[in-house]
């Protein structure tokens, strides 16, 4: 039997791009994708209107793919954000 062990988990940049693309689809807005110090990535999406239930459900499903996500409201500018971390290093000695 041939077994291919070359497949790897998507990296944080790939996951962040997927999240950004998946948020763009239901909202019609292009998110900002940033590389953060330490290898993490942040996706930020400015919200301009309250979504209907279908869009809200789709957005929450996408945000669930991140390591953490949230909402911020500053000076009448609401934004959703999601962050993806690099994989943790295995403990020493393993």
N, C-alpha and C. Protein backbone atom coordinates (compact mmCIF):
# COMPACT_ATOMS: atom_id res chain seq x y z
N UNK A 1 0.85 -1.17 0.00
CA UNK A 1 0.00 0.00 0.00
C UNK A 1 0.89 1.23 0.00
N UNK A 2 0.59 2.14 -0.91
CA UNK A 2 1.31 3.41 -0.97
C UNK A 2 0.71 4.37 0.05
N UNK A 3 1.57 5.00 0.87
CA UNK A 3 1.08 5.95 1.87
C UNK A 3 1.86 7.25 1.71
N UNK A 4 1.15 8.34 1.54
CA UNK A 4 1.77 9.64 1.35
C UNK A 4 1.78 10.42 2.66
N UNK A 5 2.96 10.56 3.28
CA UNK A 5 3.10 11.30 4.53
C UNK A 5 3.60 12.72 4.29
N UNK A 6 3.49 13.22 3.08
CA UNK A 6 4.00 14.56 2.78
C UNK A 6 2.98 15.65 3.09
N UNK A 7 1.74 15.28 3.39
CA UNK A 7 0.73 16.28 3.72
C UNK A 7 1.04 16.91 5.06
N UNK A 8 0.86 18.21 5.14
CA UNK A 8 1.10 18.92 6.40
C UNK A 8 -0.11 19.79 6.71
N UNK A 9 -0.20 20.17 7.97
CA UNK A 9 -1.25 21.09 8.40
C UNK A 9 -1.01 22.45 7.74
N UNK A 10 -2.07 23.17 7.43
CA UNK A 10 -1.86 24.51 6.88
C UNK A 10 -1.19 25.41 7.92
N UNK A 11 -0.29 26.26 7.45
CA UNK A 11 0.39 27.18 8.35
C UNK A 11 -0.52 28.32 8.75
N UNK A 12 -0.06 29.15 9.70
CA UNK A 12 -0.90 30.25 10.16
C UNK A 12 -1.25 31.25 9.06
N UNK A 13 -0.33 31.50 8.13
CA UNK A 13 -0.63 32.42 7.03
C UNK A 13 -1.72 31.84 6.13
N UNK A 14 -1.67 30.54 5.87
CA UNK A 14 -2.69 29.89 5.05
C UNK A 14 -4.06 29.93 5.74
N UNK A 15 -4.06 29.64 7.04
CA UNK A 15 -5.32 29.68 7.79
C UNK A 15 -5.90 31.09 7.81
N UNK A 16 -5.05 32.08 8.02
CA UNK A 16 -5.51 33.47 8.07
C UNK A 16 -6.07 33.90 6.71
N UNK A 17 -5.40 33.49 5.62
CA UNK A 17 -5.90 33.81 4.28
C UNK A 17 -7.26 33.15 4.03
N UNK A 18 -7.39 31.90 4.49
CA UNK A 18 -8.66 31.20 4.34
C UNK A 18 -9.76 31.95 5.09
N UNK A 19 -9.48 32.37 6.32
CA UNK A 19 -10.46 33.11 7.12
C UNK A 19 -10.84 34.41 6.42
N UNK A 20 -9.83 35.15 5.93
CA UNK A 20 -10.10 36.41 5.23
C UNK A 20 -10.98 36.18 4.00
N UNK A 21 -10.64 35.18 3.20
CA UNK A 21 -11.45 34.87 2.01
C UNK A 21 -12.86 34.44 2.39
N UNK A 22 -12.97 33.63 3.44
CA UNK A 22 -14.27 33.13 3.86
C UNK A 22 -15.14 34.24 4.48
N UNK A 23 -14.52 35.24 5.08
CA UNK A 23 -15.29 36.39 5.58
C UNK A 23 -15.74 37.30 4.45
N UNK A 24 -14.91 37.41 3.44
CA UNK A 24 -15.24 38.26 2.30
C UNK A 24 -16.49 37.75 1.57
N UNK A 25 -16.60 36.45 1.46
CA UNK A 25 -17.70 35.86 0.70
C UNK A 25 -19.08 36.28 1.22
N UNK A 26 -19.42 36.08 2.51
CA UNK A 26 -20.78 36.44 2.93
C UNK A 26 -20.98 37.94 3.17
N UNK A 27 -19.90 38.67 3.46
CA UNK A 27 -20.05 40.08 3.81
C UNK A 27 -19.88 41.02 2.63
N UNK A 28 -19.16 40.57 1.59
CA UNK A 28 -18.87 41.43 0.46
C UNK A 28 -17.79 42.46 0.74
N UNK A 29 -17.18 42.39 1.89
CA UNK A 29 -16.13 43.33 2.28
C UNK A 29 -14.80 42.58 2.39
N UNK A 30 -13.73 43.20 1.91
CA UNK A 30 -12.40 42.58 1.94
C UNK A 30 -11.75 42.87 3.30
N UNK A 31 -11.45 41.84 4.09
CA UNK A 31 -10.78 42.06 5.38
C UNK A 31 -9.31 42.46 5.21
N UNK A 32 -8.78 43.06 6.24
CA UNK A 32 -7.36 43.39 6.31
C UNK A 32 -6.65 42.19 6.92
N UNK A 33 -5.55 41.77 6.32
CA UNK A 33 -4.76 40.64 6.81
C UNK A 33 -3.39 41.17 7.22
N UNK A 34 -3.01 40.95 8.49
CA UNK A 34 -1.74 41.47 9.02
C UNK A 34 -0.90 40.34 9.58
N UNK A 35 0.41 40.44 9.39
CA UNK A 35 1.38 39.55 10.02
C UNK A 35 1.82 40.24 11.30
N UNK A 36 1.73 39.55 12.44
CA UNK A 36 2.07 40.12 13.74
C UNK A 36 3.43 39.61 14.21
N UNK A 37 4.09 40.34 15.09
CA UNK A 37 5.34 39.84 15.66
C UNK A 37 5.10 38.48 16.33
N UNK A 38 6.06 37.61 16.22
CA UNK A 38 5.95 36.28 16.81
C UNK A 38 5.33 35.24 15.89
N UNK A 39 4.95 35.66 14.67
CA UNK A 39 4.44 34.69 13.71
C UNK A 39 2.94 34.54 13.65
N UNK A 40 2.21 35.29 14.46
CA UNK A 40 0.74 35.24 14.41
C UNK A 40 0.24 36.09 13.25
N UNK A 41 -1.02 35.89 12.90
CA UNK A 41 -1.68 36.66 11.85
C UNK A 41 -3.03 37.14 12.36
N UNK A 42 -3.40 38.35 11.97
CA UNK A 42 -4.69 38.92 12.37
C UNK A 42 -5.49 39.28 11.12
N UNK A 43 -6.77 38.95 11.16
CA UNK A 43 -7.71 39.31 10.12
C UNK A 43 -8.70 40.29 10.76
N UNK A 44 -8.87 41.45 10.15
CA UNK A 44 -9.79 42.46 10.68
C UNK A 44 -10.79 42.83 9.60
N UNK A 45 -12.06 42.89 9.98
CA UNK A 45 -13.13 43.22 9.05
C UNK A 45 -13.98 44.33 9.65
N UNK A 46 -14.07 45.44 8.95
CA UNK A 46 -14.92 46.54 9.40
C UNK A 46 -16.36 46.19 9.08
N UNK A 47 -17.22 46.35 10.06
CA UNK A 47 -18.64 46.09 9.83
C UNK A 47 -19.35 47.41 9.60
N UNK A 48 -20.28 47.42 8.66
CA UNK A 48 -20.98 48.66 8.33
C UNK A 48 -22.48 48.56 8.60
N UNK A 49 -22.99 47.38 8.79
CA UNK A 49 -24.42 47.20 9.06
C UNK A 49 -24.60 45.91 9.84
N UNK A 50 -25.71 45.81 10.54
CA UNK A 50 -25.99 44.57 11.25
C UNK A 50 -26.44 43.53 10.23
N UNK A 51 -25.78 42.38 10.24
CA UNK A 51 -26.11 41.37 9.23
C UNK A 51 -27.41 40.64 9.55
N UNK A 52 -27.97 40.02 8.53
CA UNK A 52 -29.13 39.18 8.79
C UNK A 52 -28.64 37.88 9.43
N UNK A 53 -29.56 37.05 9.84
CA UNK A 53 -29.21 35.83 10.59
C UNK A 53 -28.31 34.89 9.79
N UNK A 54 -28.55 34.76 8.50
CA UNK A 54 -27.74 33.85 7.67
C UNK A 54 -26.30 34.33 7.58
N UNK A 55 -26.09 35.61 7.37
CA UNK A 55 -24.73 36.15 7.29
C UNK A 55 -24.05 36.05 8.65
N UNK A 56 -24.76 36.38 9.73
CA UNK A 56 -24.18 36.29 11.07
C UNK A 56 -23.74 34.86 11.39
N UNK A 57 -24.55 33.89 11.02
CA UNK A 57 -24.21 32.48 11.25
C UNK A 57 -22.97 32.09 10.45
N UNK A 58 -22.90 32.50 9.20
CA UNK A 58 -21.74 32.18 8.36
C UNK A 58 -20.48 32.82 8.92
N UNK A 59 -20.57 34.07 9.35
CA UNK A 59 -19.41 34.77 9.90
C UNK A 59 -18.93 34.08 11.18
N UNK A 60 -19.84 33.71 12.06
CA UNK A 60 -19.45 33.04 13.30
C UNK A 60 -18.78 31.69 13.03
N UNK A 61 -19.26 30.96 12.04
CA UNK A 61 -18.62 29.68 11.68
C UNK A 61 -17.17 29.92 11.24
N UNK A 62 -16.98 30.96 10.43
CA UNK A 62 -15.62 31.26 9.94
C UNK A 62 -14.73 31.68 11.10
N UNK A 63 -15.23 32.56 11.97
CA UNK A 63 -14.42 33.02 13.10
C UNK A 63 -14.01 31.87 14.01
N UNK A 64 -14.83 30.84 14.08
CA UNK A 64 -14.51 29.66 14.89
C UNK A 64 -13.27 28.92 14.42
N UNK A 65 -12.81 29.18 13.21
CA UNK A 65 -11.59 28.53 12.70
C UNK A 65 -10.33 29.21 13.21
N UNK A 66 -10.47 30.37 13.85
CA UNK A 66 -9.32 31.10 14.38
C UNK A 66 -8.96 30.59 15.77
N UNK A 67 -7.78 30.96 16.24
CA UNK A 67 -7.38 30.61 17.60
C UNK A 67 -8.09 31.48 18.63
N UNK A 68 -8.44 32.70 18.23
CA UNK A 68 -9.23 33.59 19.06
C UNK A 68 -9.86 34.64 18.15
N UNK A 69 -10.98 35.19 18.59
CA UNK A 69 -11.65 36.22 17.78
C UNK A 69 -12.46 37.11 18.71
N UNK A 70 -12.87 38.25 18.17
CA UNK A 70 -13.67 39.16 18.98
C UNK A 70 -14.22 40.30 18.15
N UNK A 71 -14.72 41.28 18.87
CA UNK A 71 -15.37 42.44 18.27
C UNK A 71 -14.89 43.67 19.02
N UNK A 72 -14.70 44.76 18.30
CA UNK A 72 -14.34 46.01 18.96
C UNK A 72 -15.14 47.14 18.33
N UNK A 73 -15.49 48.09 19.18
CA UNK A 73 -16.28 49.23 18.76
C UNK A 73 -15.59 50.48 19.27
N UNK A 74 -14.95 51.20 18.38
CA UNK A 74 -14.24 52.42 18.75
C UNK A 74 -14.68 53.55 17.84
N UNK A 75 -15.13 54.62 18.45
CA UNK A 75 -15.50 55.82 17.70
C UNK A 75 -16.41 55.52 16.51
N UNK A 76 -17.45 54.78 16.77
CA UNK A 76 -18.43 54.46 15.73
C UNK A 76 -17.87 53.58 14.62
N UNK A 77 -16.74 52.93 14.84
CA UNK A 77 -16.19 52.01 13.84
C UNK A 77 -16.13 50.62 14.46
N UNK A 78 -17.06 49.78 14.06
CA UNK A 78 -17.09 48.42 14.58
C UNK A 78 -16.24 47.52 13.71
N UNK A 79 -15.52 46.63 14.36
CA UNK A 79 -14.66 45.69 13.63
C UNK A 79 -14.73 44.31 14.29
N UNK A 80 -14.69 43.30 13.44
CA UNK A 80 -14.50 41.93 13.88
C UNK A 80 -13.04 41.60 13.66
N UNK A 81 -12.46 40.81 14.54
CA UNK A 81 -11.07 40.40 14.35
C UNK A 81 -10.95 38.92 14.68
N UNK A 82 -9.95 38.31 14.06
CA UNK A 82 -9.62 36.91 14.31
C UNK A 82 -8.10 36.78 14.25
N UNK A 83 -7.52 35.99 15.14
CA UNK A 83 -6.08 35.78 15.13
C UNK A 83 -5.75 34.31 15.03
N UNK A 84 -4.68 34.04 14.31
CA UNK A 84 -4.18 32.68 14.10
C UNK A 84 -2.73 32.66 14.56
N UNK A 85 -2.41 31.72 15.44
CA UNK A 85 -1.05 31.60 15.98
C UNK A 85 -0.25 30.56 15.23
N UNK A 86 1.09 30.71 15.27
CA UNK A 86 1.93 29.64 14.70
C UNK A 86 1.82 28.40 15.58
N UNK A 87 2.15 27.24 15.05
CA UNK A 87 2.10 26.03 15.87
C UNK A 87 3.08 26.15 17.03
N UNK A 88 2.70 25.58 18.15
CA UNK A 88 3.58 25.57 19.32
C UNK A 88 4.70 24.59 19.11
N UNK A 89 5.86 24.93 19.63
CA UNK A 89 7.00 24.01 19.58
C UNK A 89 6.73 22.86 20.53
N UNK A 90 7.11 21.63 20.16
CA UNK A 90 6.92 20.51 21.07
C UNK A 90 7.78 20.70 22.31
N UNK A 91 7.32 20.21 23.46
CA UNK A 91 8.12 20.33 24.69
C UNK A 91 9.49 19.69 24.51
N UNK A 92 10.49 20.25 25.18
CA UNK A 92 11.86 19.71 25.09
C UNK A 92 11.90 18.27 25.57
N UNK A 93 12.70 17.47 24.89
CA UNK A 93 12.86 16.08 25.29
C UNK A 93 11.83 15.14 24.67
N UNK A 94 11.03 15.63 23.78
CA UNK A 94 10.01 14.74 23.15
C UNK A 94 10.26 14.60 21.70
